[in-house]
C-alpha atoms as a PDB file:
ATOM      1  CA  MET A   1      -0.026  -0.087   0.032  1.00  0.00           C
ATOM      2  CA  LYS A   2       2.805   2.292   0.757  1.00  0.00           C
ATOM      3  CA  LEU A   3       4.172   1.909  -2.713  1.00  0.00           C
ATOM      4  CA  LEU A   4       0.847   2.914  -4.278  1.00  0.00           C
ATOM      5  CA  GLU A   5       0.650   5.895  -1.866  1.00  0.00           C
ATOM      6  CA  GLN A   6       4.109   6.938  -3.029  1.00  0.00           C
ATOM      7  CA  ILE A   7       3.109   6.542  -6.748  1.00  0.00           C
ATOM      8  CA  LYS A   8      -0.006   8.574  -5.988  1.00  0.00           C
ATOM      9  CA  ARG A   9       1.902  11.333  -4.294  1.00  0.00           C
ATOM     10  CA  CYS A  10       4.461  11.541  -7.089  1.00  0.00           C
ATOM     11  CA  SER A  11       2.005  11.036  -9.996  1.00  0.00           C
ATOM     12  CA  LYS A  12       2.729  14.405 -11.587  1.00  0.00           C
ATOM     13  CA  GLN A  13       6.341  13.439 -11.771  1.00  0.00           C
ATOM     14  CA  PHE A  14       5.587  10.040 -13.339  1.00  0.00           C
ATOM     15  CA  THR A  15       5.340  11.169 -16.930  1.00  0.00           C
ATOM     16  CA  TYR A  16       4.937   9.026 -20.071  1.00  0.00           C
ATOM     17  CA  ASP A  17       8.231  10.614 -21.496  1.00  0.00           C
ATOM     18  CA  TYR A  18      10.159   9.576 -18.404  1.00  0.00           C
ATOM     19  CA  TYR A  19       8.580   6.107 -18.603  1.00  0.00           C
ATOM     20  CA  VAL A  20       9.579   5.577 -22.189  1.00  0.00           C
ATOM     21  CA  THR A  21      13.229   6.510 -21.406  1.00  0.00           C
ATOM     22  CA  GLN A  22      13.349   4.031 -18.478  1.00  0.00           C
ATOM     23  CA  CYS A  23      11.708   1.085 -20.232  1.00  0.00           C
ATOM     24  CA  GLN A  24      13.911   0.838 -23.302  1.00  0.00           C
ATOM     25  CA  LEU A  25      13.555  -2.912 -23.832  1.00  0.00           C
ATOM     26  CA  MET A  26       9.834  -2.679 -24.472  1.00  0.00           C
ATOM     27  CA  HIS A  27       8.358  -1.849 -27.903  1.00  0.00           C
ATOM     28  CA  LEU A  28       6.806   1.570 -28.093  1.00  0.00           C
ATOM     29  CA  SER A  29       3.244   0.481 -28.672  1.00  0.00           C
ATOM     30  CA  GLY A  30       3.588  -1.851 -25.598  1.00  0.00           C
ATOM     31  CA  LYS A  31       4.672   1.026 -23.531  1.00  0.00           C
ATOM     32  CA  GLU A  32       1.748   3.210 -24.625  1.00  0.00           C
ATOM     33  CA  LEU A  33      -0.840   0.350 -23.941  1.00  0.00           C
ATOM     34  CA  LEU A  34       0.792  -0.318 -20.469  1.00  0.00           C
ATOM     35  CA  PHE A  35       0.973   3.307 -19.475  1.00  0.00           C
ATOM     36  CA  SER A  36      -2.694   3.766 -20.583  1.00  0.00           C
ATOM     37  CA  LYS A  37      -3.780   1.595 -17.768  1.00  0.00           C
ATOM     38  CA  PHE A  38      -2.546   4.253 -15.269  1.00  0.00           C
ATOM     39  CA  SER A  39      -3.093   7.513 -17.171  1.00  0.00           C
ATOM     40  CA  ALA A  40      -6.337   9.296 -18.139  1.00  0.00           C
ATOM     41  CA  ASP A  41      -4.539  11.709 -20.465  1.00  0.00           C
ATOM     42  CA  GLY A  42      -1.715   9.490 -21.596  1.00  0.00           C
ATOM     43  CA  LYS A  43       0.874  12.068 -20.221  1.00  0.00           C
ATOM     44  CA  ILE A  44       1.105  11.513 -16.391  1.00  0.00           C
ATOM     45  CA  VAL A  45      -0.122   8.810 -14.014  1.00  0.00           C
ATOM     46  CA  SER A  46      -3.560   9.625 -12.795  1.00  0.00           C
ATOM     47  CA  GLU A  47      -3.973   9.946  -9.037  1.00  0.00           C
ATOM     48  CA  LYS A  48      -7.628   8.920  -9.496  1.00  0.00           C
ATOM     49  CA  ILE A  49      -6.676   5.492 -11.040  1.00  0.00           C
ATOM     50  CA  VAL A  50      -4.186   4.768  -8.313  1.00  0.00           C
ATOM     51  CA  ALA A  51      -6.613   5.822  -5.642  1.00  0.00           C
ATOM     52  CA  ASN A  52      -9.249   3.499  -7.003  1.00  0.00           C
ATOM     53  CA  ASP A  53      -6.793   0.651  -6.922  1.00  0.00           C
ATOM     54  CA  MET A  54      -5.977   1.553  -3.323  1.00  0.00           C
ATOM     55  CA  GLN A  55      -9.645   1.524  -2.416  1.00  0.00           C
ATOM     56  CA  SER A  56     -10.080  -1.922  -4.124  1.00  0.00           C
ATOM     57  CA  LEU A  57      -7.196  -3.272  -2.044  1.00  0.00           C
ATOM     58  CA  LYS A  58      -8.553  -1.641   1.231  1.00  0.00           C
ATOM     59  CA  LYS A  59     -11.974  -3.269   0.484  1.00  0.00           C
ATOM     60  CA  ILE A  60     -10.283  -6.639   0.242  1.00  0.00           C
ATOM     61  CA  GLY A  61      -8.892  -5.930   3.721  1.00  0.00           C
ATOM     62  CA  VAL A  62     -12.221  -5.004   5.136  1.00  0.00           C
ATOM     63  CA  ASP A  63     -14.186  -7.877   3.656  1.00  0.00           C
ATOM     64  CA  VAL A  64     -11.894 -10.851   3.961  1.00  0.00           C
ATOM     65  CA  SER A  65      -8.897 -10.313   6.057  1.00  0.00           C
ATOM     66  CA  ASP A  66     -10.739 -10.650   9.464  1.00  0.00           C
ATOM     67  CA  VAL A  67     -12.372 -13.921   8.395  1.00  0.00           C
ATOM     68  CA  VAL A  68      -9.088 -15.279   6.964  1.00  0.00           C
ATOM     69  CA  ASP A  69      -7.149 -14.196  10.082  1.00  0.00           C
ATOM     70  CA  ARG A  70      -9.582 -15.505  12.681  1.00  0.00           C
ATOM     71  CA  ALA A  71     -11.278 -18.490  11.051  1.00  0.00           C
ATOM     72  CA  ILE A  72      -8.756 -19.884   8.581  1.00  0.00           C
ATOM     73  CA  ALA A  73      -5.132 -19.052   9.489  1.00  0.00           C
ATOM     74  CA  HIS A  74      -5.483 -19.049  13.316  1.00  0.00           C
ATOM     75  CA  MET A  75      -8.769 -20.977  14.209  1.00  0.00           C
ATOM     76  CA  ASP A  76      -9.485 -18.318  16.724  1.00  0.00           C
ATOM     77  CA  LYS A  77     -12.199 -19.258  19.225  1.00  0.00           C
ATOM     78  CA  ARG A  78     -14.039 -15.922  18.675  1.00  0.00           C
ATOM     79  CA  GLY A  79     -14.579 -16.711  15.046  1.00  0.00           C
ATOM     80  CA  ALA A  80     -15.254 -14.086  12.374  1.00  0.00           C
ATOM     81  CA  ASP A  81     -17.849 -11.390  12.651  1.00  0.00           C
ATOM     82  CA  LYS A  82     -18.853 -11.561   9.055  1.00  0.00           C
ATOM     83  CA  ASN A  83     -20.182 -14.353   6.826  1.00  0.00           C
ATOM     84  CA  VAL A  84     -17.704 -14.774   3.948  1.00  0.00           C
ATOM     85  CA  ILE A  85     -17.732 -17.694   1.510  1.00  0.00           C
ATOM     86  CA  TYR A  86     -14.704 -19.121  -0.209  1.00  0.00           C
ATOM     87  CA  SER A  87     -15.655 -17.550  -3.471  1.00  0.00           C
ATOM     88  CA  ASP A  88     -15.278 -14.135  -1.815  1.00  0.00           C
ATOM     89  CA  ILE A  89     -11.910 -15.120  -0.636  1.00  0.00           C
ATOM     90  CA  GLU A  90     -10.976 -16.391  -4.168  1.00  0.00           C
ATOM     91  CA  ASN A  91     -12.290 -13.285  -5.793  1.00  0.00           C
ATOM     92  CA  SER A  92     -10.209 -11.218  -3.343  1.00  0.00           C
ATOM     93  CA  ILE A  93      -7.082 -13.116  -4.172  1.00  0.00           C
ATOM     94  CA  ASP A  94      -7.738 -12.721  -7.794  1.00  0.00           C
ATOM     95  CA  LEU A  95      -8.248  -8.948  -7.346  1.00  0.00           C
ATOM     96  CA  PHE A  96      -4.969  -8.636  -5.458  1.00  0.00           C
ATOM     97  CA  ASN A  97      -3.233 -10.711  -8.059  1.00  0.00           C
ATOM     98  CA  ARG A  98      -4.454  -8.426 -10.866  1.00  0.00           C
ATOM     99  CA  ILE A  99      -3.535  -5.177  -9.110  1.00  0.00           C
ATOM    100  CA  THR A 100      -0.202  -6.494  -8.103  1.00  0.00           C
ATOM    101  CA  CYS A 101       0.719  -7.687 -11.451  1.00  0.00           C
ATOM    102  CA  LYS A 102      -0.567  -4.343 -13.015  1.00  0.00           C
ATOM    103  CA  TYR A 103       1.898  -2.317 -10.816  1.00  0.00           C
ATOM    104  CA  LEU A 104       4.720  -4.779 -11.349  1.00  0.00           C
ATOM    105  CA  ASP A 105       4.168  -4.241 -15.117  1.00  0.00           C
ATOM    106  CA  LEU A 106       4.466  -0.487 -14.606  1.00  0.00           C
ATOM    107  CA  LEU A 107       7.495  -0.632 -12.447  1.00  0.00           C
ATOM    108  CA  THR A 108       9.542  -3.307 -14.230  1.00  0.00           C
ATOM    109  CA  ALA A 109       8.183  -3.234 -17.780  1.00  0.00           C
ATOM    110  CA  HIS A 110       7.771  -6.970 -17.666  1.00  0.00           C
ATOM    111  CA  ASN A 111       4.462  -8.658 -18.536  1.00  0.00           C
ATOM    112  CA  TYR A 112       3.309 -10.274 -15.371  1.00  0.00           C
ATOM    113  CA  LEU A 113       0.108 -12.377 -15.929  1.00  0.00           C
ATOM    114  CA  THR A 114      -0.119 -13.929 -12.545  1.00  0.00           C
ATOM    115  CA  LEU A 115       1.812 -14.358  -9.180  1.00  0.00           C
ATOM    116  CA  LYS A 116       0.906 -18.102  -9.118  1.00  0.00           C
ATOM    117  CA  PRO A 117       3.887 -20.264  -8.873  1.00  0.00           C
ATOM    118  CA  MET A 118       4.670 -22.497 -11.980  1.00  0.00           C
ATOM    119  CA  LEU A 119       6.846 -25.490 -12.685  1.00  0.00           C
ATOM    120  CA  GLN A 120      10.122 -24.185 -14.204  1.00  0.00           C
ATOM    121  CA  ILE A 121      11.294 -27.378 -15.491  1.00  0.00           C
ATOM    122  CA  ASN A 122      10.040 -29.707 -18.182  1.00  0.00           C
ATOM    123  CA  GLU A 123       9.761 -33.004 -16.321  1.00  0.00           C
ATOM    124  CA  SER A 124       8.798 -34.990 -19.601  1.00  0.00           C
ATOM    125  CA  ARG A 125      12.079 -33.834 -21.300  1.00  0.00           C
ATOM    126  CA  ILE A 126      13.899 -36.975 -20.241  1.00  0.00           C
ATOM    127  CA  PHE A 127      11.437 -39.012 -22.410  1.00  0.00           C
ATOM    128  CA  THR A 128      12.525 -37.330 -25.641  1.00  0.00           C
ATOM    129  CA  VAL A 129      15.917 -38.805 -25.472  1.00  0.00           C
ATOM    130  CA  PRO A 130      16.459 -42.313 -26.487  1.00  0.00           C
ATOM    131  CA  LEU A 131      17.674 -44.582 -23.771  1.00  0.00           C
ATOM    132  CA  ASP A 132      20.562 -46.956 -24.447  1.00  0.00           C
ATOM    133  CA  LEU A 133      20.450 -49.522 -21.733  1.00  0.00           C
ATOM    134  CA  ARG A 134      22.949 -51.917 -23.414  1.00  0.00           C
ATOM    135  CA  LYS A 135      26.246 -52.300 -21.823  1.00  0.00           C
ATOM    136  CA  ARG A 136      29.154 -53.659 -23.821  1.00  0.00           C
ATOM    137  CA  GLY A 137      29.688 -57.313 -22.963  1.00  0.00           C
ATOM    138  CA  ALA A 138      26.377 -57.497 -21.023  1.00  0.00           C
ATOM    139  CA  THR A 139      24.271 -60.530 -21.368  1.00  0.00           C
ATOM    140  CA  LYS A 140      20.758 -60.597 -22.468  1.00  0.00           C
ATOM    141  CA  ARG A 141      19.440 -61.161 -18.985  1.00  0.00           C
ATOM    142  CA  GLU A 142      21.551 -58.248 -17.508  1.00  0.00           C
ATOM    143  CA  THR A 143      20.035 -55.892 -20.287  1.00  0.00           C
ATOM    144  CA  GLU A 144      16.461 -57.120 -19.597  1.00  0.00           C
ATOM    145  CA  SER A 145      16.927 -56.674 -15.796  1.00  0.00           C
ATOM    146  CA  ARG A 146      18.217 -53.174 -16.351  1.00  0.00           C
ATOM    147  CA  CYS A 147      15.247 -52.390 -18.572  1.00  0.00           C
ATOM    148  CA  SER A 148      12.757 -53.659 -16.011  1.00  0.00           C
ATOM    149  CA  LYS A 149      14.311 -51.342 -13.457  1.00  0.00           C
ATOM    150  CA  VAL A 150      14.233 -48.350 -15.692  1.00  0.00           C
ATOM    151  CA  THR A 151      10.476 -49.196 -16.458  1.00  0.00           C
ATOM    152  CA  ALA A 152       9.718 -49.389 -12.827  1.00  0.00           C
ATOM    153  CA  ALA A 153      11.479 -45.997 -12.164  1.00  0.00           C
ATOM    154  CA  ILE A 154       9.565 -44.243 -14.954  1.00  0.00           C
ATOM    155  CA  SER A 155       6.272 -45.705 -13.646  1.00  0.00           C
ATOM    156  CA  ALA A 156       7.102 -44.337 -10.197  1.00  0.00           C
ATOM    157  CA  VAL A 157       7.881 -40.918 -11.624  1.00  0.00           C
ATOM    158  CA  THR A 158       4.656 -40.972 -13.670  1.00  0.00           C
ATOM    159  CA  VAL A 159       2.508 -41.834 -10.583  1.00  0.00           C
ATOM    160  CA  SER A 160       4.224 -39.026  -8.573  1.00  0.00           C
ATOM    161  CA  LEU A 161       3.614 -36.535 -11.247  1.00  0.00           C
ATOM    162  CA  LYS A 162      -0.121 -37.544 -11.551  1.00  0.00           C
ATOM    163  CA  ARG A 163      -0.362 -36.957  -7.803  1.00  0.00           C
ATOM    164  CA  LEU A 164       1.125 -33.582  -7.964  1.00  0.00           C
ATOM    165  CA  ILE A 165      -1.220 -32.469 -10.848  1.00  0.00           C
ATOM    166  CA  ARG A 166      -4.267 -33.467  -8.835  1.00  0.00           C
END
């Protein structure tokens, strides 16, 4: 919230021309599109837009944070004063995600779609390389034994991945 307050206070200094010079890696049309999310006139950041985003974040705090704090995170005996359903919590998380990504885009000139963690490795890549289980001088029985061990390992990895996905 303090960052948004700072952006709001300095909005007249946060001009499109300055933004263009700071975000040199992004294409010019992308800069215009991104800056238009924050500016009513296309020249400076609008205090009103930032204030609206701040109000939206404060609304999340009023509606959901008490319930999450007392009923979900800490199982407080007092319970929550308001009736909030899980879809309200989910909507609040989505709103927080959108606003956070919006300001990350402004400040870093990267295109953040979500804050959700994602797998950074391709776990199926190993299956794209041929597997040579033969060993020079190995008997047919040794090669078959090695193949069955690898097949069992692949099956175990597949089962583990399926559990993670669920």
